[in-house]
C-alpha atoms as a PDB file:
ATOM      1  CA  MET A   1     150.880 116.950 171.217  1.00  0.00           C
ATOM      2  CA  PRO A   2     147.908 119.072 169.602  1.00  0.00           C
ATOM      3  CA  LYS A   3     145.675 117.796 166.724  1.00  0.00           C
ATOM      4  CA  GLN A   4     146.218 118.692 163.333  1.00  0.00           C
ATOM      5  CA  LYS A   5     144.178 121.525 161.959  1.00  0.00           C
ATOM      6  CA  LYS A   6     141.420 120.560 159.330  1.00  0.00           C
ATOM      7  CA  ALA A   7     143.150 122.149 156.518  1.00  0.00           C
ATOM      8  CA  ALA A   8     146.584 120.257 157.177  1.00  0.00           C
ATOM      9  CA  ARG A   9     144.825 116.800 157.228  1.00  0.00           C
ATOM     10  CA  GLY A  10     144.245 116.983 153.408  1.00  0.00           C
ATOM     11  CA  LYS A  11     141.124 116.461 151.358  1.00  0.00           C
ATOM     12  CA  HIS A  12     139.676 113.009 151.001  1.00  0.00           C
ATOM     13  CA  ARG A  13     136.693 110.924 149.608  1.00  0.00           C
ATOM     14  CA  TRP A  14     134.659 108.145 150.896  1.00  0.00           C
ATOM     15  CA  ILE A  15     133.747 105.569 148.355  1.00  0.00           C
ATOM     16  CA  GLY A  16     130.933 103.221 148.975  1.00  0.00           C
ATOM     17  CA  PHE A  17     130.937  99.948 146.735  1.00  0.00           C
ATOM     18  CA  ARG A  18     129.448  96.483 146.481  1.00  0.00           C
ATOM     19  CA  VAL A  19     131.239  93.422 146.084  1.00  0.00           C
ATOM     20  CA  THR A  20     129.051  90.567 144.442  1.00  0.00           C
ATOM     21  CA  ASN A  21     130.062  87.856 146.602  1.00  0.00           C
ATOM     22  CA  ASN A  22     129.796  87.826 150.414  1.00  0.00           C
ATOM     23  CA  SER A  23     133.395  88.597 151.397  1.00  0.00           C
ATOM     24  CA  GLU A  24     134.925  88.637 154.734  1.00  0.00           C
ATOM     25  CA  ARG A  25     136.814  91.817 155.933  1.00  0.00           C
ATOM     26  CA  ALA A  26     140.274  90.307 155.441  1.00  0.00           C
ATOM     27  CA  GLU A  27     139.246  88.728 151.887  1.00  0.00           C
ATOM     28  CA  LEU A  28     138.060  92.113 150.891  1.00  0.00           C
ATOM     29  CA  ASN A  29     141.158  93.939 152.146  1.00  0.00           C
ATOM     30  CA  ASP A  30     143.403  91.542 150.157  1.00  0.00           C
ATOM     31  CA  LYS A  31     141.317  92.114 146.998  1.00  0.00           C
ATOM     32  CA  LEU A  32     141.721  95.892 147.578  1.00  0.00           C
ATOM     33  CA  LEU A  33     145.454  95.448 148.089  1.00  0.00           C
ATOM     34  CA  GLY A  34     145.842  93.645 144.640  1.00  0.00           C
ATOM     35  CA  CYS A  35     143.346  96.123 142.900  1.00  0.00           C
ATOM     36  CA  LEU A  36     144.511  99.582 143.972  1.00  0.00           C
ATOM     37  CA  GLY A  37     148.067  99.073 144.144  1.00  0.00           C
ATOM     38  CA  SER A  38     150.171 101.833 145.472  1.00  0.00           C
ATOM     39  CA  VAL A  39     147.120 104.262 145.951  1.00  0.00           C
ATOM     40  CA  GLU A  40     146.693 105.031 149.698  1.00  0.00           C
ATOM     41  CA  TRP A  41     143.513 103.867 151.012  1.00  0.00           C
ATOM     42  CA  LYS A  42     141.757 102.629 154.246  1.00  0.00           C
ATOM     43  CA  LEU A  43     138.744 100.350 154.612  1.00  0.00           C
ATOM     44  CA  PHE A  44     136.245 101.428 157.123  1.00  0.00           C
ATOM     45  CA  ASP A  45     132.834  99.698 156.878  1.00  0.00           C
ATOM     46  CA  VAL A  46     131.934  96.157 155.689  1.00  0.00           C
ATOM     47  CA  ILE A  47     128.430  95.228 155.626  1.00  0.00           C
ATOM     48  CA  LYS A  48     127.251  91.791 154.496  1.00  0.00           C
ATOM     49  CA  GLY A  49     123.635  91.786 152.622  1.00  0.00           C
ATOM     50  CA  GLU A  50     121.586  89.630 150.508  1.00  0.00           C
ATOM     51  CA  GLY A  51     123.067  91.112 147.202  1.00  0.00           C
ATOM     52  CA  GLY A  52     126.689  90.854 148.292  1.00  0.00           C
ATOM     53  CA  THR A  53     128.808  92.951 150.527  1.00  0.00           C
ATOM     54  CA  LEU A  54     128.915  96.508 150.845  1.00  0.00           C
ATOM     55  CA  ALA A  55     132.043  98.568 151.861  1.00  0.00           C
ATOM     56  CA  ILE A  56     133.365 102.029 152.465  1.00  0.00           C
ATOM     57  CA  ILE A  57     136.999 103.217 151.716  1.00  0.00           C
ATOM     58  CA  LYS A  58     138.651 106.498 152.397  1.00  0.00           C
ATOM     59  CA  ILE A  59     141.087 107.646 149.858  1.00  0.00           C
ATOM     60  CA  PRO A  60     142.900 110.983 149.186  1.00  0.00           C
ATOM     61  CA  LEU A  61     141.018 113.389 146.744  1.00  0.00           C
ATOM     62  CA  ALA A  62     143.933 113.328 144.203  1.00  0.00           C
ATOM     63  CA  ASN A  63     143.334 109.641 143.765  1.00  0.00           C
ATOM     64  CA  TYR A  64     139.604 109.770 143.418  1.00  0.00           C
ATOM     65  CA  LYS A  65     139.022 109.254 139.775  1.00  0.00           C
ATOM     66  CA  LYS A  66     141.726 106.743 139.302  1.00  0.00           C
ATOM     67  CA  THR A  67     140.289 104.576 142.378  1.00  0.00           C
ATOM     68  CA  ILE A  68     136.808 104.706 140.965  1.00  0.00           C
ATOM     69  CA  ALA A  69     138.072 103.409 137.627  1.00  0.00           C
ATOM     70  CA  GLN A  70     140.033 100.684 139.224  1.00  0.00           C
ATOM     71  CA  ILE A  71     137.152  99.574 141.423  1.00  0.00           C
ATOM     72  CA  ASN A  72     134.772  99.410 138.393  1.00  0.00           C
ATOM     73  CA  ASN A  73     137.324  97.641 136.271  1.00  0.00           C
ATOM     74  CA  LEU A  74     136.884  94.466 138.414  1.00  0.00           C
ATOM     75  CA  ASN A  75     133.950  92.223 137.514  1.00  0.00           C
ATOM     76  CA  GLU A  76     133.086  91.449 141.180  1.00  0.00           C
ATOM     77  CA  MET A  77     132.960  95.106 142.327  1.00  0.00           C
ATOM     78  CA  GLU A  78     131.069  98.267 141.452  1.00  0.00           C
ATOM     79  CA  THR A  79     131.078 101.685 143.026  1.00  0.00           C
ATOM     80  CA  LEU A  80     127.651 102.871 144.388  1.00  0.00           C
ATOM     81  CA  THR A  81     128.245 106.310 146.057  1.00  0.00           C
ATOM     82  CA  SER A  82     131.028 108.635 147.217  1.00  0.00           C
ATOM     83  CA  SER A  83     131.224 111.780 149.057  1.00  0.00           C
ATOM     84  CA  GLY A  84     133.361 113.937 151.289  1.00  0.00           C
ATOM     85  CA  LYS A  85     131.464 112.761 154.326  1.00  0.00           C
ATOM     86  CA  ILE A  86     131.251 109.361 155.597  1.00  0.00           C
ATOM     87  CA  ARG A  87     127.929 109.923 157.158  1.00  0.00           C
ATOM     88  CA  LEU A  88     126.304 110.523 153.672  1.00  0.00           C
ATOM     89  CA  VAL A  89     127.961 107.402 152.155  1.00  0.00           C
ATOM     90  CA  ARG A  90     126.709 105.194 155.035  1.00  0.00           C
ATOM     91  CA  GLU A  91     123.154 106.671 154.740  1.00  0.00           C
ATOM     92  CA  ARG A  92     123.099 106.014 150.893  1.00  0.00           C
ATOM     93  CA  LEU A  93     124.434 102.378 151.432  1.00  0.00           C
ATOM     94  CA  ASN A  94     121.899 101.622 154.193  1.00  0.00           C
ATOM     95  CA  SER A  95     119.157 103.113 152.014  1.00  0.00           C
ATOM     96  CA  SER A  96     120.238 100.628 149.272  1.00  0.00           C
ATOM     97  CA  LEU A  97     119.871  97.772 151.851  1.00  0.00           C
ATOM     98  CA  GLY A  98     116.577  99.039 152.856  1.00  0.00           C
ATOM     99  CA  THR A  99     117.410  99.624 156.458  1.00  0.00           C
ATOM    100  CA  SER A 100     117.611 102.781 158.401  1.00  0.00           C
ATOM    101  CA  PRO A 101     121.161 104.428 159.352  1.00  0.00           C
ATOM    102  CA  SER A 102     120.389 103.919 162.918  1.00  0.00           C
ATOM    103  CA  ASP A 103     120.344 100.251 162.508  1.00  0.00           C
ATOM    104  CA  SER A 104     123.965  99.952 161.611  1.00  0.00           C
ATOM    105  CA  PRO A 105     126.815 100.106 164.081  1.00  0.00           C
END
């Protein structure tokens, strides 16, 4: 079966955010389920740091503003960056940790 063309996959955004406590991936996944409700999303990266946990989720472009607001409405989460390219979000999060992008998996 051939892969879908790029245009057929739909536009999306990657959102990088911080969770103030050090959360495990499963715990963070549960928090996002409660926070984002029916919005379609997928958790990609979870990086534990000194100032909490950094994470990246992928969401459809149509839900971008709603998702940003929902994440920022929680006391324990704040969005840091977003982009249409995951590479850029990873670089920005890694620079906020003080590490180079090549240090992360």
